[in-house]
Amino acid sequence: MRKCQTGINCNGYGNAPCRSKDKHIETILPVHRKCEALFARERRILRKKWRFHQVENLAVAQDARLRYKAGMTVYGQSGCVRAHGGRCGAPSARSGFSLVELIIVLALMIILTVMMWGFTSESHQHAAQRACRQNLEKIYVALQIYANDFNGKLPDSTNATRSEEPLSRLVPRYTADTSIFICPGSKDSPLPSGVSFANRKISYAYYLGQRLGDARQPLMSDWQVNPLPKKAGDLVFSATGKPPGNNHYKYGGNFLFCDGHTELTPPQLAFSLVTTNGVVLLNPKP
């Protein structure tokens, strides 16, 4: 916006040179007033447009808020408005789990957990079989010490019918740890430490009359199905998980041999057992 010599803003309309101050004022004032009128009109138009846009934006925001509330409305209530603007028809099911569904899911999870990692599961019993072999190896150490004191003879008991009678001679002199006589895969009750278990129940069978040294001769084993002699292929441990012979449910059991090594077998015996005359198999109490 330029100024003439009079100092009045002519906004570019007073381009003609000013020959006299009064004449210039007479020429510029009408134009100047016209410019101010035009500027005022433009300001009013812009103000109206601004107000229109404000109202339009407010309407859009209100519409979006209504749609959001409608979308968050719980379906199934009468008179609810869906997010797309339509009215709800028949009541629809609520989202999420019902109490019955939650109970069913929890029950299935518990069943699967028991099947995979429960006491009778295969994975649990395989771990128990490893711990069982360690128990038999510790018992073998106690039997070695006993044999050294008795010129190679192992624990014996006249007219014994159960394995608890001769093996109880190892406690407490040759071992005070009675937990090794309970198989980790069985449900047999723990034994008091350092106390003879002749009148209690253990988990292992014992071949009475053996001597240490022969790798083919069995010395101890998990609870067997019966005390009869057995050959390869015979049923030696429970195949159904029911007693007798179910220390490891239906997943076989361990044998300890007279040289101290152990072997695992399925319910059907996987190897031949060699026993000498006079050797008697004593099972634990049922």
Protein backbone atom coordinates (compact mmCIF):
# COMPACT_ATOMS: atom_id res chain seq x y z
CA MET A 1 0.00 0.00 0.00
CA ARG A 2 1.58 3.25 -1.12
CA LYS A 3 1.27 6.72 0.33
CA CYS A 4 0.98 9.91 -1.68
CA GLN A 5 2.42 13.19 -0.63
CA THR A 6 -0.59 13.83 1.61
CA GLY A 7 0.23 10.77 3.75
CA ILE A 8 -3.11 9.06 2.96
CA ASN A 9 -3.07 5.38 2.13
CA CYS A 10 -4.38 5.17 -1.37
CA ASN A 11 -3.73 1.39 -1.72
CA GLY A 12 -2.48 1.86 -5.27
CA TYR A 13 -5.48 3.78 -6.59
CA GLY A 14 -3.74 7.20 -6.51
CA ASN A 15 -1.21 6.59 -9.25
CA ALA A 16 -1.63 10.00 -10.84
CA PRO A 17 0.91 12.55 -9.75
CA CYS A 18 -0.36 15.03 -7.15
CA ARG A 19 -0.21 18.57 -8.50
CA SER A 20 -1.73 20.14 -5.44
CA LYS A 21 -2.56 18.92 -1.98
CA ASP A 22 -6.22 19.91 -2.03
CA LYS A 23 -6.85 18.57 -5.47
CA HIS A 24 -5.26 15.28 -4.58
CA ILE A 25 -7.42 14.94 -1.48
CA GLU A 26 -10.57 15.58 -3.46
CA THR A 27 -9.51 12.90 -5.93
CA ILE A 28 -8.33 10.25 -3.44
CA LEU A 29 -10.95 10.38 -0.66
CA PRO A 30 -13.80 8.77 -2.63
CA VAL A 31 -11.47 6.03 -3.84
CA HIS A 32 -10.14 5.50 -0.34
CA ARG A 33 -13.63 5.19 1.07
CA LYS A 34 -14.51 2.70 -1.63
CA CYS A 35 -11.44 0.62 -0.75
CA GLU A 36 -12.38 0.57 2.93
CA ALA A 37 -15.90 -0.57 2.04
CA LEU A 38 -14.50 -3.39 -0.11
CA PHE A 39 -12.11 -4.47 2.66
CA ALA A 40 -14.93 -4.51 5.23
CA ARG A 41 -17.09 -6.60 2.93
CA GLU A 42 -14.26 -9.10 2.41
CA ARG A 43 -13.72 -9.33 6.16
CA ARG A 44 -17.41 -10.08 6.71
CA ILE A 45 -17.35 -12.78 4.03
CA LEU A 46 -14.25 -14.39 5.53
CA ARG A 47 -15.76 -14.26 9.01
CA LYS A 48 -18.92 -15.99 7.76
CA LYS A 49 -16.86 -18.70 6.02
CA TRP A 50 -14.82 -19.26 9.17
CA ARG A 51 -17.97 -19.61 11.28
CA PHE A 52 -19.43 -22.04 8.71
CA HIS A 53 -16.33 -24.22 8.83
CA GLN A 54 -16.40 -24.18 12.63
CA VAL A 55 -20.01 -25.36 12.66
CA GLU A 56 -19.27 -28.00 10.01
CA ASN A 57 -16.26 -29.35 11.97
CA LEU A 58 -18.34 -29.44 15.14
CA ALA A 59 -21.06 -31.41 13.36
CA VAL A 60 -18.50 -33.91 12.04
CA ALA A 61 -17.00 -34.34 15.52
CA GLN A 62 -20.42 -34.86 17.06
CA ASP A 63 -21.31 -37.43 14.39
CA ALA A 64 -18.04 -39.30 14.98
CA ARG A 65 -18.66 -39.28 18.74
CA LEU A 66 -22.16 -40.68 18.26
CA ARG A 67 -20.83 -43.43 16.00
CA TYR A 68 -18.14 -44.34 18.55
CA LYS A 69 -20.70 -44.54 21.36
CA ALA A 70 -22.93 -46.67 19.16
CA GLY A 71 -20.03 -48.99 18.40
CA MET A 72 -19.24 -49.38 22.10
CA THR A 73 -22.86 -50.08 23.00
CA VAL A 74 -23.31 -53.60 24.31
CA TYR A 75 -25.23 -55.62 21.75
CA GLY A 76 -28.42 -57.12 22.99
CA GLN A 77 -29.81 -53.98 24.62
CA SER A 78 -32.97 -52.58 23.13
CA GLY A 79 -32.66 -49.42 21.10
CA CYS A 80 -28.86 -49.63 20.62
CA VAL A 81 -27.25 -48.04 17.57
CA ARG A 82 -24.65 -49.91 15.56
CA ALA A 83 -21.38 -48.29 14.49
CA HIS A 84 -22.58 -48.05 10.85
CA GLY A 85 -25.63 -46.08 11.88
CA GLY A 86 -28.31 -48.78 11.65
CA ARG A 87 -30.63 -49.86 14.44
CA CYS A 88 -30.08 -53.14 16.25
CA GLY A 89 -32.47 -55.89 15.31
CA ALA A 90 -32.75 -59.05 17.35
CA PRO A 91 -30.56 -59.13 20.48
CA SER A 92 -27.16 -60.62 19.70
CA ALA A 93 -24.86 -62.61 21.95
CA ARG A 94 -22.50 -60.74 24.25
CA SER A 95 -18.81 -60.91 23.43
CA GLY A 96 -16.38 -62.90 25.64
CA PHE A 97 -16.61 -66.24 27.48
CA SER A 98 -19.55 -67.34 29.53
CA LEU A 99 -18.99 -69.05 32.89
CA VAL A 100 -19.82 -72.48 31.46
CA GLU A 101 -17.38 -72.02 28.56
CA LEU A 102 -14.65 -70.91 30.95
CA ILE A 103 -15.18 -73.96 33.18
CA ILE A 104 -15.04 -76.29 30.16
CA VAL A 105 -11.79 -74.72 28.92
CA LEU A 106 -10.20 -74.99 32.37
CA ALA A 107 -11.27 -78.63 32.67
CA LEU A 108 -9.74 -79.47 29.29
CA MET A 109 -6.50 -77.73 30.25
CA ILE A 110 -6.31 -79.72 33.50
CA ILE A 111 -6.95 -83.01 31.67
CA LEU A 112 -4.25 -82.28 29.09
CA THR A 113 -1.78 -81.27 31.80
CA VAL A 114 -2.38 -84.50 33.72
CA MET A 115 -2.04 -86.56 30.54
CA MET A 116 1.25 -84.91 29.58
CA TRP A 117 2.92 -84.37 32.96
CA GLY A 118 0.81 -86.22 35.54
CA PHE A 119 2.01 -89.01 37.82
CA THR A 120 0.99 -91.76 35.40
CA SER A 121 2.18 -89.95 32.27
CA GLU A 122 4.94 -91.50 30.17
CA SER A 123 7.26 -88.51 30.58
CA HIS A 124 6.92 -88.60 34.38
CA GLN A 125 7.51 -92.34 34.55
CA HIS A 126 10.61 -92.15 32.32
CA ALA A 127 12.09 -89.62 34.75
CA ALA A 128 11.08 -91.89 37.65
CA GLN A 129 12.81 -94.85 35.97
CA ARG A 130 16.08 -92.92 35.87
CA ALA A 131 15.77 -92.08 39.56
CA CYS A 132 14.83 -95.71 40.24
CA ARG A 133 18.06 -96.94 38.66
CA GLN A 134 20.01 -94.62 40.94
CA ASN A 135 18.20 -96.12 43.95
CA LEU A 136 19.16 -99.64 42.88
CA GLU A 137 22.79 -98.62 42.40
CA LYS A 138 22.89 -97.14 45.93
CA ILE A 139 21.40 -100.34 47.35
CA TYR A 140 24.10 -102.29 45.51
CA VAL A 141 26.79 -100.30 47.33
CA ALA A 142 25.21 -101.22 50.67
CA LEU A 143 25.04 -104.89 49.57
CA GLN A 144 28.74 -104.81 48.67
CA ILE A 145 29.64 -103.55 52.13
CA TYR A 146 27.43 -106.22 53.69
CA ALA A 147 29.06 -108.94 51.53
CA ASN A 148 32.54 -107.81 52.60
CA ASP A 149 31.56 -108.30 56.24
CA PHE A 150 30.01 -111.74 55.64
CA ASN A 151 32.51 -113.42 53.32
CA GLY A 152 30.60 -112.65 50.11
CA LYS A 153 27.18 -113.62 51.40
CA LEU A 154 24.24 -111.32 50.86
CA PRO A 155 21.37 -110.66 53.30
CA ASP A 156 19.36 -113.79 54.03
CA SER A 157 16.37 -114.64 56.15
CA THR A 158 15.11 -118.09 56.99
CA ASN A 159 11.67 -118.84 55.57
CA ALA A 160 11.40 -115.33 54.14
CA THR A 161 8.40 -114.72 51.85
CA ARG A 162 8.80 -111.00 51.17
CA SER A 163 11.79 -108.88 50.16
CA GLU A 164 11.43 -106.60 53.20
CA GLU A 165 12.67 -109.32 55.56
CA PRO A 166 16.23 -109.86 54.23
CA LEU A 167 16.82 -106.33 52.89
CA SER A 168 15.89 -104.75 56.24
CA ARG A 169 19.20 -106.18 57.57
CA LEU A 170 20.99 -103.39 55.69
CA VAL A 171 19.45 -100.69 57.91
CA PRO A 172 20.85 -98.86 59.76
CA ARG A 173 24.38 -100.35 59.80
CA TYR A 174 25.03 -100.41 56.04
CA THR A 175 22.77 -97.56 55.03
CA ALA A 176 20.62 -95.15 57.01
CA ASP A 177 18.93 -93.81 53.88
CA THR A 178 15.68 -95.76 53.66
CA SER A 179 14.34 -93.57 50.82
CA ILE A 180 16.35 -95.65 48.32
CA PHE A 181 14.05 -98.63 48.99
CA ILE A 182 11.00 -96.71 47.68
CA CYS A 183 10.67 -96.46 43.90
CA PRO A 184 10.02 -92.85 42.73
CA GLY A 185 7.48 -94.15 40.23
CA SER A 186 5.37 -95.95 42.82
CA LYS A 187 2.89 -94.59 45.30
CA ASP A 188 4.43 -96.41 48.26
CA SER A 189 4.65 -94.48 51.52
CA PRO A 190 8.02 -93.09 52.65
CA LEU A 191 9.96 -95.03 55.25
CA PRO A 192 11.31 -93.55 58.49
CA SER A 193 15.03 -92.85 58.15
CA GLY A 194 17.49 -95.13 59.91
CA VAL A 195 14.80 -97.56 61.13
CA SER A 196 14.37 -101.18 60.06
CA PHE A 197 11.49 -101.64 57.63
CA ALA A 198 10.91 -105.38 58.21
CA ASN A 199 7.29 -104.68 59.14
CA ARG A 200 6.76 -102.05 56.46
CA LYS A 201 6.48 -102.07 52.65
CA ILE A 202 9.24 -101.37 50.13
CA SER A 203 9.07 -101.19 46.31
CA TYR A 204 11.70 -103.68 45.11
CA ALA A 205 11.91 -107.43 44.56
CA TYR A 206 14.97 -109.34 45.76
CA TYR A 207 16.58 -112.53 44.46
CA LEU A 208 17.41 -114.40 47.67
CA GLY A 209 20.46 -116.69 47.52
CA GLN A 210 22.55 -114.77 44.93
CA ARG A 211 26.21 -113.77 45.16
CA LEU A 212 27.87 -110.69 43.68
CA GLY A 213 29.89 -110.73 40.47
CA ASP A 214 27.92 -112.46 37.69
CA ALA A 215 26.64 -109.93 35.14
CA ARG A 216 23.97 -112.35 33.88
CA GLN A 217 22.39 -113.02 37.27
CA PRO A 218 19.59 -110.69 38.44
CA LEU A 219 19.88 -109.39 42.00
CA MET A 220 16.95 -106.97 42.41
CA SER A 221 14.17 -105.45 40.30
CA ASP A 222 11.05 -103.40 40.46
CA TRP A 223 7.96 -105.14 41.84
CA GLN A 224 7.15 -108.03 39.47
CA VAL A 225 3.76 -109.45 38.50
CA ASN A 226 4.61 -112.82 40.13
CA PRO A 227 7.60 -114.64 41.69
CA LEU A 228 7.82 -117.29 38.95
CA PRO A 229 10.95 -117.76 36.76
CA LYS A 230 10.76 -115.78 33.52
CA LYS A 231 12.34 -115.83 30.10
CA ALA A 232 12.50 -113.28 27.30
CA GLY A 233 9.01 -112.29 26.12
CA ASP A 234 7.27 -113.19 29.37
CA LEU A 235 5.23 -110.57 31.20
CA VAL A 236 7.37 -109.32 34.08
CA PHE A 237 5.77 -105.94 34.87
CA SER A 238 2.20 -104.67 34.63
CA ALA A 239 1.01 -103.95 31.08
CA THR A 240 -2.18 -102.17 32.16
CA GLY A 241 -0.93 -99.93 34.96
CA LYS A 242 -2.80 -101.93 37.59
CA PRO A 243 -1.11 -103.93 40.36
CA PRO A 244 0.81 -106.11 40.76
CA GLY A 245 4.09 -104.98 39.19
CA ASN A 246 3.06 -101.40 38.47
CA ASN A 247 5.90 -99.40 40.02
CA HIS A 248 6.15 -97.50 36.73
CA TYR A 249 2.48 -97.79 35.75
CA LYS A 250 2.51 -99.62 32.37
CA TYR A 251 5.94 -98.53 31.20
CA GLY A 252 8.06 -101.47 32.40
CA GLY A 253 10.73 -101.41 35.10
CA ASN A 254 14.39 -101.82 36.07
CA PHE A 255 16.63 -104.78 36.88
CA LEU A 256 19.81 -104.70 39.00
CA PHE A 257 22.33 -107.43 38.20
CA CYS A 258 24.96 -109.05 40.40
CA ASP A 259 27.81 -107.01 38.87
CA GLY A 260 26.05 -103.72 39.71
CA HIS A 261 24.74 -102.67 36.28
CA THR A 262 21.06 -101.92 35.66
CA GLU A 263 18.82 -102.50 32.66
CA LEU A 264 15.39 -101.18 31.74
CA THR A 265 12.79 -103.43 30.16
CA PRO A 266 9.19 -102.97 28.94
CA PRO A 267 6.41 -105.02 30.57
CA GLN A 268 7.40 -108.00 28.38
CA LEU A 269 10.89 -109.07 29.39
CA ALA A 270 13.42 -107.88 26.78
CA PHE A 271 16.23 -110.26 27.83
CA SER A 272 16.72 -113.68 29.37
CA LEU A 273 17.22 -114.09 33.11
CA VAL A 274 19.71 -116.67 34.29
CA THR A 275 19.28 -117.92 37.83
CA THR A 276 21.11 -120.69 39.67
CA ASN A 277 19.47 -123.40 41.68
CA GLY A 278 18.33 -122.31 45.10
CA VAL A 279 17.74 -118.67 44.12
CA VAL A 280 14.24 -117.50 45.08
CA LEU A 281 12.50 -114.33 43.91
CA LEU A 282 10.88 -112.41 46.78
CA ASN A 283 8.40 -109.71 45.83
CA PRO A 284 7.63 -106.84 48.25
CA LYS A 285 4.39 -106.72 50.17
CA PRO A 286 1.41 -105.88 47.95
